[in-house]
Amino acid sequence: MVNHSDIHFLAEKIMDLRSALLFSQNNSVLKLYTTIVNILHVDELGQLWFTIARPRQALQEFDREFPVRMEFFRKGKGYFMHITGKAFIINDPEEINSLIAAGIVDHIPGHMVLIKVKMSKADYFEPVDTSHTGWWRDLRMQVYGWLFNSRPGYKPYHLSMA
């Protein structure tokens, strides 16, 4: 079950960073290229909504859904995120009009394509405070990494969304 406080936390951080690199992870011959996207909306189900430039090939030639990886980073922010999930190409005019009416997205220009990504995993990273470095702290961090197989400042969010 999805923890709504996790979704709220992630949505807040995503909207603060706003832009991400989108990597298509499918094995199809014809797949979307790696591109920078700007998030328009994060809904209560943890779905990210954004647009990309319409590809030159016919849109119906692409897979309707495919796995993606997104990397969020903004200079000057004290954190970054990596998100994996499943992307869906939304091009049904009735569905787009209902999303516009609901206020989820604004008008979609003809040269753009609406994409929805259902998050399945979100990795949140914060920098480690290195102001109090010393051999004791380094030893504690190394033992912690061995015991818990984790890096300092790393907070994984595993979202099981059905």
Protein backbone atom coordinates (compact mmCIF):
# COMPACT_ATOMS: atom_id res chain seq x y z
CA MET A 1 0.00 0.00 0.00
CA VAL A 2 1.20 3.49 -0.80
CA ASN A 3 2.01 5.80 2.09
CA HIS A 4 0.41 9.15 1.22
CA SER A 5 2.92 11.10 3.32
CA ASP A 6 5.70 9.61 1.14
CA ILE A 7 3.80 10.64 -2.01
CA HIS A 8 3.31 14.14 -0.62
CA PHE A 9 7.01 14.42 0.32
CA LEU A 10 8.16 13.17 -3.10
CA ALA A 11 5.69 15.40 -4.97
CA GLU A 12 6.93 18.43 -3.04
CA LYS A 13 10.57 17.64 -3.85
CA ILE A 14 9.81 16.86 -7.52
CA MET A 15 7.93 20.12 -8.00
CA ASP A 16 10.77 21.99 -6.30
CA LEU A 17 13.34 20.49 -8.70
CA ARG A 18 10.82 20.56 -11.59
CA SER A 19 13.09 19.33 -14.41
CA ALA A 20 14.60 15.92 -15.08
CA LEU A 21 16.43 13.86 -17.64
CA LEU A 22 14.10 11.21 -19.09
CA PHE A 23 15.62 7.92 -20.25
CA SER A 24 13.47 5.39 -22.11
CA GLN A 25 14.35 1.89 -20.88
CA ASN A 26 12.45 -0.21 -23.42
CA ASN A 27 14.13 -2.53 -25.90
CA SER A 28 12.07 -1.53 -28.94
CA VAL A 29 13.73 -0.51 -32.18
CA LEU A 30 11.76 2.74 -32.11
CA LYS A 31 11.94 4.42 -28.71
CA LEU A 32 11.79 7.95 -27.36
CA TYR A 33 15.09 9.74 -27.20
CA THR A 34 16.68 10.94 -23.98
CA THR A 35 15.38 14.41 -23.25
CA ILE A 36 14.96 17.03 -20.55
CA VAL A 37 11.39 17.30 -19.27
CA ASN A 38 9.62 19.83 -17.07
CA ILE A 39 7.07 18.35 -14.71
CA LEU A 40 3.64 19.95 -15.02
CA HIS A 41 1.87 18.10 -12.22
CA VAL A 42 2.28 15.32 -9.66
CA ASP A 43 -1.08 13.83 -8.71
CA GLU A 44 -2.18 12.13 -5.48
CA LEU A 45 -1.39 8.70 -6.97
CA GLY A 46 2.25 9.59 -7.54
CA GLN A 47 1.91 10.01 -11.29
CA LEU A 48 4.11 12.58 -13.01
CA TRP A 49 2.63 14.55 -15.93
CA PHE A 50 4.76 16.35 -18.51
CA THR A 51 5.07 16.98 -22.24
CA ILE A 52 7.80 16.15 -24.73
CA ALA A 53 8.35 17.29 -28.30
CA ARG A 54 6.37 15.17 -30.74
CA PRO A 55 8.73 12.71 -32.46
CA ARG A 56 9.16 12.88 -36.23
CA GLN A 57 7.94 9.30 -36.60
CA ALA A 58 4.22 8.52 -36.37
CA LEU A 59 3.23 8.40 -32.71
CA GLN A 60 1.27 5.16 -33.18
CA GLU A 61 4.55 3.40 -34.13
CA PHE A 62 5.86 3.80 -30.57
CA ASP A 63 5.01 1.50 -27.67
CA ARG A 64 2.06 2.99 -25.75
CA GLU A 65 3.72 2.18 -22.43
CA PHE A 66 7.36 1.56 -21.58
CA PRO A 67 9.76 1.63 -18.61
CA VAL A 68 11.61 4.87 -17.87
CA ARG A 69 14.23 6.28 -15.56
CA MET A 70 14.23 9.94 -14.53
CA GLU A 71 17.05 11.89 -12.90
CA PHE A 72 16.11 15.10 -11.08
CA PHE A 73 18.80 17.64 -10.20
CA ARG A 74 18.98 21.39 -9.88
CA LYS A 75 22.09 23.43 -9.15
CA GLY A 76 21.97 24.99 -5.71
CA LYS A 77 19.52 22.47 -4.24
CA GLY A 78 20.74 20.28 -1.41
CA TYR A 79 19.31 17.05 -2.81
CA PHE A 80 18.59 15.11 -6.00
CA MET A 81 16.34 12.21 -6.99
CA HIS A 82 16.25 9.19 -9.29
CA ILE A 83 12.86 7.78 -10.22
CA THR A 84 11.94 4.65 -12.13
CA GLY A 85 8.49 3.78 -13.37
CA LYS A 86 6.28 3.11 -16.34
CA ALA A 87 5.52 5.84 -18.89
CA PHE A 88 2.28 6.09 -20.84
CA ILE A 89 1.78 8.13 -24.01
CA ILE A 90 -1.50 10.04 -23.66
CA ASN A 91 -2.83 11.09 -27.04
CA ASP A 92 -6.57 10.37 -26.90
CA PRO A 93 -8.21 13.82 -27.40
CA GLU A 94 -11.08 13.03 -25.01
CA GLU A 95 -8.68 11.99 -22.25
CA ILE A 96 -6.54 15.10 -22.79
CA ASN A 97 -9.64 17.34 -22.70
CA SER A 98 -10.77 15.73 -19.42
CA LEU A 99 -7.31 16.35 -17.92
CA ILE A 100 -7.42 19.99 -19.05
CA ALA A 101 -10.94 20.37 -17.58
CA ALA A 102 -9.75 18.83 -14.29
CA GLY A 103 -6.88 21.33 -14.16
CA ILE A 104 -4.19 18.62 -14.21
CA VAL A 105 -2.57 20.00 -17.38
CA ASP A 106 -2.94 23.15 -19.43
CA HIS A 107 -3.52 23.28 -23.18
CA ILE A 108 -1.24 20.84 -25.03
CA PRO A 109 0.17 22.37 -28.26
CA GLY A 110 0.07 20.20 -31.38
CA HIS A 111 3.84 19.82 -31.51
CA MET A 112 3.93 18.31 -28.00
CA VAL A 113 2.93 14.91 -26.59
CA LEU A 114 1.54 14.37 -23.09
CA ILE A 115 3.30 11.69 -21.02
CA LYS A 116 2.26 10.20 -17.68
CA VAL A 117 4.76 8.27 -15.54
CA LYS A 118 3.63 6.00 -12.71
CA MET A 119 6.43 5.96 -10.17
CA SER A 120 7.48 2.53 -8.95
CA LYS A 121 10.67 3.51 -7.12
CA ALA A 122 12.06 6.83 -5.99
CA ASP A 123 15.57 7.30 -4.62
CA TYR A 124 16.14 10.50 -2.66
CA PHE A 125 19.70 11.66 -1.96
CA GLU A 126 20.92 14.33 0.44
CA PRO A 127 24.52 15.40 0.89
CA VAL A 128 26.32 14.08 3.95
CA ASP A 129 27.32 16.65 6.56
CA THR A 130 31.10 16.64 6.44
CA SER A 131 31.66 19.51 8.85
CA HIS A 132 32.52 17.11 11.70
CA THR A 133 34.87 14.75 9.92
CA GLY A 134 37.13 12.53 11.91
CA TRP A 135 38.29 8.99 12.08
CA TRP A 136 35.53 7.96 14.54
CA ARG A 137 32.76 9.29 12.32
CA ASP A 138 34.32 7.70 9.23
CA LEU A 139 34.53 4.36 11.01
CA ARG A 140 30.88 4.61 12.15
CA MET A 141 29.71 5.42 8.60
CA GLN A 142 31.68 2.52 7.15
CA VAL A 143 30.28 0.05 9.70
CA TYR A 144 26.78 1.40 9.07
CA GLY A 145 27.25 0.86 5.33
CA TRP A 146 28.39 -2.71 5.89
CA LEU A 147 25.55 -3.57 8.27
CA PHE A 148 22.68 -1.89 6.45
CA ASN A 149 24.01 -1.92 2.87
CA SER A 150 23.20 1.76 2.52
CA ARG A 151 24.93 5.01 1.79
CA PRO A 152 24.68 8.02 4.09
CA GLY A 153 22.16 10.54 2.83
CA TYR A 154 20.34 7.95 0.71
CA LYS A 155 16.64 7.40 1.31
CA PRO A 156 14.92 4.86 -0.96
CA TYR A 157 11.17 5.03 -1.44
CA HIS A 158 9.69 1.84 -2.85
CA LEU A 159 6.20 2.56 -4.06
CA SER A 160 4.01 -0.42 -4.85
CA MET A 161 1.29 1.06 -6.99
CA ALA A 162 -1.20 -1.29 -8.52
